[in-house]
Amino acid sequence: MLPHRPFKTIPPIFFDIGISKEVGQRLVEADAKKTMLLYDKGIESTGISKQIAHYIRDAGIELIENNSIQADPPDTSVNAIAEIARAEEIDSIVALGGGSSIDTAKCISLLLRNEGTIDQYYGVLPQNPGVFLIAIPTTAGTGSESTIGGVITDTATKTKKVVGGPGLLVSQALLDPELTVGVPPYITATTGFDSLMHALDGFISEYAGLYTKYQCESTVRLFHKSIRSVVEDGKDIEARAHMMGAAVTGGMIITGASCSLIHSFGHAMGGAYPIAHGNAVTLFAPAVLEFVSEVKPDEIKWIAELFEIDVAQTDSPKEIAEKIGVAIATLAMEMGLKSIDAYEPEPEKLYQIIERAKSDVMTKTTPRPLEDKDAKWIIDRTYEIHRAIHQEPVA
């Protein structure tokens, strides 16, 4: 068993409808003079970046805009934007968007106060704090605004790498549910399921403590209460707020308990196939929960209760985990997430991700050692679950 570690508190979070309008005020209070606003072309097309830029300029802040954020941010993109930021001598950053925008911004913040390129900081290494950074998420799922790390794609090895430490800490987060109203159903679903996976991995992590488990419980409840509403009725602002709450609490779970094998396999899958992160981690959750059920029986029962699953007194932890897995995979299908066969129809070919999953930083917190045979079982079991469910008509 890994030693206990304290829960680390995070910087100020401002959470309210319309709070993003205060971004300029927050920069002024931090004595910022020249800010870089980072976003992708999708956010630009919605007009949200134009609004945020107006709030910043209206506060008298000099602004440099950059719309070149990429999904699953590659190291090359991070390094290139960091060079622009250095040349412009910016003193602050505003990250607008989902996890890719925020993770990119956090890594750039680190590089502005530390020498070198981002590949020199894979892992959790000594580093100076970054520049003043405001995160304004436009999706509800990654929780990057409340973590001390980011995930970057190493283009040399085509693997996802975690960067962590004080250089990646967000200075303030402005959580505005209004900004998520226009997010399409599939992205809403995948990011929402990412929040759920933070909670499930948080429950089974060897770093988990009672405090982080309470956060896991809150995240699962908010997800269970609101995921259908946000996917089926994107204008439901109350449900959007619930899911944004689940997302930021999910980030706190990562900070406090880390994640575990669900994310190890999700990261490995994402490095090998073009798949949305939330979809990738959700694929493996049912099999992973079965895999750890005998060593985490109390947590499995807790999760079943939160999902309101009918459990018999005679059910073993593995049988309970099977019921949870079916419920998760069925809900994911109903919410539009794709089956594992959509990405790789031949299970044996997916064995290529095993070494990546075993070496992923999240595997360090697994409550049960992961051997090659175990990883193959998780992959094979994932196919078995998905194929059984996708043969059944949706109610």
Protein backbone atom coordinates (compact mmCIF):
# COMPACT_ATOMS: atom_id res chain seq x y z
CA MET A 1 0.00 0.00 0.00
CA LEU A 2 1.30 3.44 -0.90
CA PRO A 3 1.86 5.94 1.95
CA HIS A 4 -0.81 8.51 2.70
CA ARG A 5 -0.31 11.91 1.18
CA PRO A 6 -2.06 15.14 2.17
CA PHE A 7 -4.74 16.70 0.02
CA LYS A 8 -3.30 19.75 -1.71
CA THR A 9 -5.59 22.76 -1.88
CA ILE A 10 -5.86 24.64 -5.14
CA PRO A 11 -5.95 28.34 -6.16
CA PRO A 12 -9.13 30.45 -6.11
CA ILE A 13 -12.08 29.27 -8.15
CA PHE A 14 -14.81 31.71 -9.15
CA PHE A 15 -17.92 29.76 -10.13
CA ASP A 16 -21.06 31.55 -11.32
CA ILE A 17 -23.11 32.23 -14.41
CA GLY A 18 -21.50 35.13 -16.26
CA ILE A 19 -18.29 35.12 -14.19
CA SER A 20 -16.13 35.07 -17.33
CA LYS A 21 -17.00 38.74 -17.85
CA GLU A 22 -14.70 39.55 -14.91
CA VAL A 23 -11.53 38.25 -16.59
CA GLY A 24 -10.22 41.76 -17.26
CA GLN A 25 -10.81 42.80 -13.67
CA ARG A 26 -8.92 39.73 -12.42
CA LEU A 27 -5.94 40.55 -14.64
CA VAL A 28 -5.87 44.15 -13.44
CA GLU A 29 -5.93 43.00 -9.81
CA ALA A 30 -2.89 40.82 -10.60
CA ASP A 31 -1.10 43.84 -12.11
CA ALA A 32 -0.94 42.16 -15.53
CA LYS A 33 0.16 44.37 -18.41
CA LYS A 34 0.45 42.07 -21.40
CA THR A 35 -1.60 38.90 -21.71
CA MET A 36 -1.71 36.02 -24.18
CA LEU A 37 -5.18 34.62 -24.85
CA LEU A 38 -5.02 30.98 -25.98
CA TYR A 39 -7.84 29.10 -27.72
CA ASP A 40 -8.49 26.81 -30.68
CA LYS A 41 -10.24 27.48 -33.97
CA GLY A 42 -13.41 25.79 -32.74
CA ILE A 43 -13.75 28.27 -29.89
CA GLU A 44 -12.96 31.07 -32.31
CA SER A 45 -15.84 29.98 -34.55
CA THR A 46 -18.32 30.29 -31.68
CA GLY A 47 -17.41 33.91 -31.02
CA ILE A 48 -16.54 33.22 -27.37
CA SER A 49 -12.89 34.18 -27.85
CA LYS A 50 -13.96 37.53 -29.29
CA GLN A 51 -16.04 38.22 -26.18
CA ILE A 52 -13.23 37.32 -23.78
CA ALA A 53 -10.75 39.38 -25.79
CA HIS A 54 -13.11 42.36 -25.49
CA TYR A 55 -13.30 42.01 -21.70
CA ILE A 56 -9.50 41.92 -21.48
CA ARG A 57 -8.86 44.89 -23.77
CA ASP A 58 -11.65 46.85 -22.12
CA ALA A 59 -9.69 46.56 -18.86
CA GLY A 60 -6.70 48.25 -20.50
CA ILE A 61 -4.59 45.10 -20.88
CA GLU A 62 -2.40 44.68 -23.95
CA LEU A 63 -3.46 41.43 -25.62
CA ILE A 64 -1.77 38.86 -27.84
CA GLU A 65 -4.17 36.27 -29.26
CA ASN A 66 -3.23 32.78 -30.40
CA ASN A 67 -5.74 30.38 -31.95
CA SER A 68 -3.37 27.49 -32.72
CA ILE A 69 -4.23 25.15 -29.83
CA GLN A 70 -4.37 21.52 -31.00
CA ALA A 71 -6.27 18.57 -29.60
CA ASP A 72 -4.15 16.18 -27.52
CA PRO A 73 -1.55 18.96 -27.50
CA PRO A 74 1.74 17.86 -29.04
CA ASP A 75 5.05 18.96 -27.54
CA THR A 76 5.95 20.72 -30.78
CA SER A 77 2.90 22.99 -30.51
CA VAL A 78 3.60 23.80 -26.85
CA ASN A 79 7.22 24.70 -27.62
CA ALA A 80 6.29 26.82 -30.63
CA ILE A 81 3.69 28.89 -28.77
CA ALA A 82 6.05 29.26 -25.81
CA GLU A 83 8.66 30.80 -28.11
CA ILE A 84 6.09 33.33 -29.32
CA ALA A 85 5.13 34.12 -25.72
CA ARG A 86 8.78 34.63 -24.77
CA ALA A 87 9.38 36.90 -27.74
CA GLU A 88 6.30 38.98 -26.87
CA GLU A 89 7.42 39.19 -23.23
CA ILE A 90 3.96 38.48 -21.89
CA ASP A 91 3.42 38.48 -18.14
CA SER A 92 0.17 36.53 -17.99
CA ILE A 93 -1.96 33.98 -19.85
CA VAL A 94 -5.68 33.37 -20.24
CA ALA A 95 -6.56 29.81 -21.31
CA LEU A 96 -9.96 29.57 -22.99
CA GLY A 97 -11.35 26.17 -23.95
CA GLY A 98 -11.22 22.56 -22.92
CA GLY A 99 -8.44 20.47 -21.50
CA SER A 100 -6.18 20.90 -24.53
CA SER A 101 -6.21 24.69 -24.24
CA ILE A 102 -5.71 24.68 -20.49
CA ASP A 103 -2.99 22.01 -20.52
CA THR A 104 -1.14 23.86 -23.30
CA ALA A 105 -1.39 27.15 -21.41
CA LYS A 106 -0.13 25.56 -18.19
CA CYS A 107 2.91 24.13 -19.97
CA ILE A 108 3.64 27.47 -21.63
CA SER A 109 3.34 29.17 -18.25
CA LEU A 110 5.95 26.75 -16.92
CA LEU A 111 8.33 27.42 -19.84
CA LEU A 112 8.09 31.19 -19.37
CA ARG A 113 9.67 30.86 -15.92
CA ASN A 114 11.85 27.80 -16.59
CA GLU A 115 14.46 27.16 -19.27
CA GLY A 116 14.28 24.60 -22.05
CA THR A 117 11.48 22.77 -23.85
CA ILE A 118 8.51 20.88 -22.47
CA ASP A 119 10.02 17.44 -23.06
CA GLN A 120 12.56 18.24 -20.32
CA TYR A 121 9.76 18.34 -17.73
CA TYR A 122 7.94 15.03 -18.26
CA GLY A 123 7.02 13.62 -14.89
CA VAL A 124 7.01 15.74 -11.75
CA LEU A 125 10.32 17.60 -11.63
CA PRO A 126 11.69 20.58 -9.67
CA GLN A 127 10.59 23.82 -11.32
CA ASN A 128 9.83 27.46 -10.69
CA PRO A 129 6.21 28.65 -10.55
CA GLY A 130 4.82 29.89 -13.85
CA VAL A 131 3.29 33.24 -14.80
CA PHE A 132 -0.13 34.49 -13.72
CA LEU A 133 -2.61 32.18 -15.44
CA ILE A 134 -6.39 32.34 -15.62
CA ALA A 135 -8.26 29.27 -16.87
CA ILE A 136 -11.72 29.69 -18.38
CA PRO A 137 -13.04 26.23 -19.29
CA THR A 138 -15.62 25.92 -22.04
CA THR A 139 -16.22 22.22 -21.50
CA ALA A 140 -17.10 20.31 -18.35
CA GLY A 141 -14.91 17.29 -17.93
CA THR A 142 -11.14 17.46 -17.86
CA GLY A 143 -10.84 19.39 -14.60
CA SER A 144 -7.47 20.72 -15.75
CA GLU A 145 -8.26 24.07 -14.13
CA SER A 146 -7.97 22.42 -10.70
CA THR A 147 -4.96 20.14 -11.15
CA ILE A 148 -1.21 20.67 -10.89
CA GLY A 149 -0.44 18.83 -14.09
CA GLY A 150 -1.11 18.51 -17.78
CA VAL A 151 -1.02 15.80 -20.43
CA ILE A 152 1.13 16.34 -23.52
CA THR A 153 1.67 14.15 -26.58
CA ASP A 154 5.33 13.24 -27.04
CA THR A 155 5.62 13.29 -30.83
CA ALA A 156 8.88 11.35 -30.82
CA THR A 157 7.36 8.30 -29.12
CA LYS A 158 3.69 8.95 -29.94
CA THR A 159 2.78 8.56 -26.27
CA LYS A 160 0.98 10.78 -23.80
CA LYS A 161 3.17 12.22 -21.07
CA VAL A 162 2.21 13.85 -17.79
CA VAL A 163 3.88 17.08 -16.75
CA GLY A 164 3.38 18.14 -13.15
CA GLY A 165 4.55 20.61 -10.55
CA PRO A 166 4.18 24.22 -9.37
CA GLY A 167 4.92 25.61 -12.83
CA LEU A 168 1.57 24.25 -14.05
CA LEU A 169 -0.62 25.65 -11.33
CA VAL A 170 -3.50 27.83 -12.48
CA SER A 171 -3.61 31.15 -10.62
CA GLN A 172 -7.39 31.54 -10.88
CA ALA A 173 -10.21 29.64 -12.55
CA LEU A 174 -13.36 31.33 -13.82
CA LEU A 175 -16.11 28.71 -14.18
CA ASP A 176 -18.99 30.04 -16.24
CA PRO A 177 -21.65 27.44 -17.15
CA GLU A 178 -22.98 29.75 -19.89
CA LEU A 179 -19.84 29.08 -21.94
CA THR A 180 -20.69 25.37 -22.17
CA VAL A 181 -24.22 25.82 -23.52
CA GLY A 182 -23.20 25.58 -27.18
CA VAL A 183 -20.96 22.52 -26.80
CA PRO A 184 -22.13 19.73 -29.18
CA PRO A 185 -23.67 16.57 -27.66
CA TYR A 186 -20.73 14.22 -28.36
CA ILE A 187 -18.15 16.55 -26.81
CA THR A 188 -20.53 17.20 -23.91
CA ALA A 189 -20.83 13.46 -23.38
CA THR A 190 -17.14 12.59 -23.66
CA THR A 191 -16.01 15.38 -21.37
CA GLY A 192 -18.76 14.53 -18.91
CA PHE A 193 -17.69 10.91 -18.81
CA ASP A 194 -14.11 12.05 -18.24
CA SER A 195 -15.31 13.62 -14.97
CA LEU A 196 -16.91 10.33 -14.01
CA MET A 197 -13.70 8.45 -14.77
CA HIS A 198 -11.73 10.80 -12.50
CA ALA A 199 -14.11 9.81 -9.71
CA LEU A 200 -13.98 6.07 -10.41
CA ASP A 201 -10.20 6.08 -10.69
CA GLY A 202 -10.05 8.22 -7.57
CA PHE A 203 -12.06 5.64 -5.64
CA ILE A 204 -9.68 2.78 -6.52
CA SER A 205 -6.38 4.71 -6.37
CA GLU A 206 -3.95 3.68 -3.66
CA TYR A 207 -3.56 7.41 -2.87
CA ALA A 208 -7.27 7.72 -2.08
CA GLY A 209 -8.28 8.89 1.37
CA LEU A 210 -11.65 9.61 2.93
CA TYR A 211 -11.57 13.25 1.85
CA THR A 212 -10.91 12.43 -1.80
CA LYS A 213 -13.52 9.65 -1.69
CA TYR A 214 -16.10 12.20 -0.55
CA GLN A 215 -15.12 14.25 -3.59
CA CYS A 216 -15.52 11.15 -5.74
CA GLU A 217 -18.99 10.65 -4.30
CA SER A 218 -19.97 14.24 -5.08
CA THR A 219 -18.68 13.93 -8.65
CA VAL A 220 -20.57 10.70 -9.31
CA ARG A 221 -23.79 12.16 -7.90
CA LEU A 222 -23.54 15.30 -10.04
CA PHE A 223 -22.74 13.24 -13.13
CA HIS A 224 -25.54 10.75 -12.52
CA LYS A 225 -28.01 13.59 -11.94
CA SER A 226 -27.16 15.65 -15.01
CA ILE A 227 -25.45 13.76 -17.85
CA ARG A 228 -28.66 12.94 -19.73
CA SER A 229 -29.93 16.50 -19.45
CA VAL A 230 -26.76 18.14 -20.77
CA VAL A 231 -26.49 15.74 -23.69
CA GLU A 232 -30.17 15.72 -24.64
CA ASP A 233 -30.91 19.38 -23.80
CA GLY A 234 -27.73 21.43 -24.10
CA LYS A 235 -29.51 24.61 -22.99
CA ASP A 236 -30.31 23.28 -19.51
CA ILE A 237 -28.12 25.76 -17.61
CA GLU A 238 -28.71 24.11 -14.23
CA ALA A 239 -27.52 20.75 -15.57
CA ARG A 240 -24.57 22.49 -17.23
CA ALA A 241 -23.63 23.99 -13.86
CA HIS A 242 -23.87 20.57 -12.20
CA MET A 243 -21.55 19.06 -14.79
CA MET A 244 -19.08 21.93 -14.46
CA GLY A 245 -19.10 21.29 -10.73
CA ALA A 246 -18.40 17.62 -11.39
CA ALA A 247 -15.52 18.59 -13.67
CA VAL A 248 -13.74 20.89 -11.23
CA THR A 249 -14.22 18.44 -8.38
CA GLY A 250 -12.86 15.73 -10.66
CA GLY A 251 -9.74 17.82 -11.09
CA MET A 252 -9.42 18.08 -7.31
CA ILE A 253 -9.62 14.29 -7.15
CA ILE A 254 -6.63 14.04 -9.50
CA THR A 255 -4.73 16.53 -7.34
CA GLY A 256 -5.52 14.64 -4.16
CA ALA A 257 -5.74 10.96 -5.12
CA SER A 258 -4.30 10.83 -8.64
CA CYS A 259 -5.94 8.42 -11.09
CA SER A 260 -5.35 4.74 -11.74
CA LEU A 261 -5.67 2.03 -14.38
CA ILE A 262 -8.71 3.49 -16.14
CA HIS A 263 -6.57 6.44 -17.15
CA SER A 264 -3.49 4.29 -17.80
CA PHE A 265 -5.36 2.39 -20.50
CA GLY A 266 -7.13 5.54 -21.72
CA HIS A 267 -3.82 7.37 -22.15
CA ALA A 268 -2.32 4.36 -23.93
CA MET A 269 -5.33 4.11 -26.24
CA GLY A 270 -5.22 7.84 -26.97
CA GLY A 271 -1.56 7.65 -27.93
CA ALA A 272 -2.23 4.90 -30.48
CA TYR A 273 -5.62 5.88 -31.95
CA PRO A 274 -7.41 9.16 -32.77
CA ILE A 275 -9.99 9.04 -29.99
CA ALA A 276 -11.49 11.62 -27.64
CA HIS A 277 -9.94 11.24 -24.20
CA GLY A 278 -13.26 10.89 -22.39
CA ASN A 279 -14.30 8.14 -24.79
CA ALA A 280 -10.96 6.36 -24.39
CA VAL A 281 -11.02 6.17 -20.59
CA THR A 282 -14.68 5.16 -20.51
CA LEU A 283 -14.00 2.13 -22.72
CA PHE A 284 -11.83 0.45 -20.09
CA ALA A 285 -13.64 1.40 -16.89
CA PRO A 286 -15.92 -1.68 -16.66
CA ALA A 287 -13.07 -4.19 -17.03
CA VAL A 288 -10.76 -2.25 -14.71
CA LEU A 289 -13.41 -2.15 -11.97
CA GLU A 290 -13.80 -5.92 -12.27
CA PHE A 291 -10.03 -6.35 -12.16
CA VAL A 292 -9.65 -4.49 -8.86
CA SER A 293 -12.97 -5.48 -7.30
CA GLU A 294 -11.62 -8.15 -4.95
CA VAL A 295 -9.02 -5.78 -3.46
CA LYS A 296 -11.36 -2.77 -3.36
CA PRO A 297 -14.69 -4.34 -2.29
CA ASP A 298 -15.89 -1.42 -0.15
CA GLU A 299 -15.24 1.09 -2.92
CA ILE A 300 -17.06 -1.11 -5.44
CA LYS A 301 -20.11 -1.30 -3.17
CA TRP A 302 -19.97 2.48 -2.69
CA ILE A 303 -19.94 3.06 -6.45
CA ALA A 304 -22.86 0.66 -6.95
CA GLU A 305 -24.91 2.54 -4.38
CA LEU A 306 -24.21 5.85 -6.11
CA PHE A 307 -25.31 4.37 -9.44
CA GLU A 308 -28.46 3.03 -7.74
CA ILE A 309 -27.65 -0.49 -8.92
CA ASP A 310 -29.71 -3.35 -7.54
CA VAL A 311 -27.26 -5.53 -5.62
CA ALA A 312 -28.05 -8.82 -3.89
CA GLN A 313 -26.56 -9.62 -0.49
CA THR A 314 -25.01 -12.71 -2.00
CA ASP A 315 -23.29 -10.79 -4.83
CA SER A 316 -19.50 -10.92 -4.72
CA PRO A 317 -17.47 -7.73 -5.33
CA LYS A 318 -16.71 -8.96 -8.84
CA GLU A 319 -20.39 -9.58 -9.57
CA ILE A 320 -21.21 -6.09 -8.31
CA ALA A 321 -18.44 -4.64 -10.47
CA GLU A 322 -19.89 -6.48 -13.48
CA LYS A 323 -23.25 -4.81 -12.88
CA ILE A 324 -21.58 -1.40 -12.56
CA GLY A 325 -19.65 -2.00 -15.78
CA VAL A 326 -22.76 -2.90 -17.75
CA ALA A 327 -24.53 0.21 -16.43
CA ILE A 328 -21.61 2.46 -17.41
CA ALA A 329 -21.10 0.95 -20.86
CA THR A 330 -24.84 1.03 -21.61
CA LEU A 331 -25.17 4.66 -20.53
CA ALA A 332 -22.11 5.59 -22.58
CA MET A 333 -23.66 4.00 -25.66
CA GLU A 334 -26.95 5.80 -25.06
CA MET A 335 -25.10 9.13 -24.70
CA GLY A 336 -23.36 8.65 -28.05
CA LEU A 337 -19.91 7.41 -27.04
CA LYS A 338 -18.35 4.97 -29.48
CA SER A 339 -17.61 1.30 -28.90
CA ILE A 340 -14.06 -0.05 -28.84
CA ASP A 341 -14.73 -1.83 -32.16
CA ALA A 342 -15.14 1.58 -33.80
CA TYR A 343 -11.43 2.18 -33.24
CA GLU A 344 -9.92 -1.30 -33.42
CA PRO A 345 -12.06 -4.32 -34.44
CA GLU A 346 -9.28 -6.84 -33.71
CA PRO A 347 -8.50 -7.28 -30.00
CA GLU A 348 -5.07 -8.76 -30.61
CA LYS A 349 -3.95 -5.59 -32.39
CA LEU A 350 -4.84 -3.58 -29.29
CA TYR A 351 -2.23 -5.51 -27.32
CA GLN A 352 0.19 -2.94 -28.70
CA ILE A 353 -0.94 -0.52 -25.97
CA ILE A 354 -0.05 -2.84 -23.08
CA GLU A 355 3.49 -1.58 -22.54
CA ARG A 356 2.26 2.02 -22.68
CA ALA A 357 -0.43 1.28 -20.10
CA LYS A 358 2.03 -0.50 -17.80
CA SER A 359 4.50 2.41 -17.94
CA ASP A 360 1.89 5.16 -17.58
CA VAL A 361 2.36 7.28 -14.45
CA MET A 362 -1.19 6.47 -13.32
CA THR A 363 -0.32 2.79 -13.05
CA LYS A 364 1.78 3.58 -9.97
CA THR A 365 -1.39 3.93 -7.91
CA THR A 366 -3.02 0.67 -8.98
CA PRO A 367 -4.23 -1.42 -6.02
CA ARG A 368 -3.41 -4.61 -7.91
CA PRO A 369 -0.18 -5.18 -9.87
CA LEU A 370 -0.62 -5.11 -13.64
CA GLU A 371 1.11 -7.95 -15.47
CA ASP A 372 0.95 -8.61 -19.21
CA LYS A 373 -1.65 -11.34 -18.73
CA ASP A 374 -3.78 -8.96 -16.67
CA ALA A 375 -3.57 -6.23 -19.28
CA LYS A 376 -4.60 -8.71 -21.98
CA TRP A 377 -7.53 -9.77 -19.81
CA ILE A 378 -8.65 -6.15 -19.39
CA ILE A 379 -8.52 -5.60 -23.15
CA ASP A 380 -10.31 -8.87 -23.97
CA ARG A 381 -12.92 -8.24 -21.29
CA THR A 382 -13.52 -4.74 -22.66
CA TYR A 383 -14.37 -6.21 -26.07
CA GLU A 384 -16.59 -8.84 -24.48
CA ILE A 385 -18.59 -6.24 -22.54
CA HIS A 386 -18.98 -3.87 -25.47
CA ARG A 387 -19.96 -6.54 -27.95
CA ALA A 388 -22.57 -7.98 -25.59
CA ILE A 389 -24.12 -4.55 -24.99
CA HIS A 390 -24.10 -3.43 -28.60
CA GLN A 391 -25.99 -6.55 -29.61
CA GLU A 392 -28.81 -5.56 -27.28
CA PRO A 393 -31.46 -3.04 -28.41
CA VAL A 394 -31.39 0.28 -26.60
CA ALA A 395 -34.45 0.64 -24.35
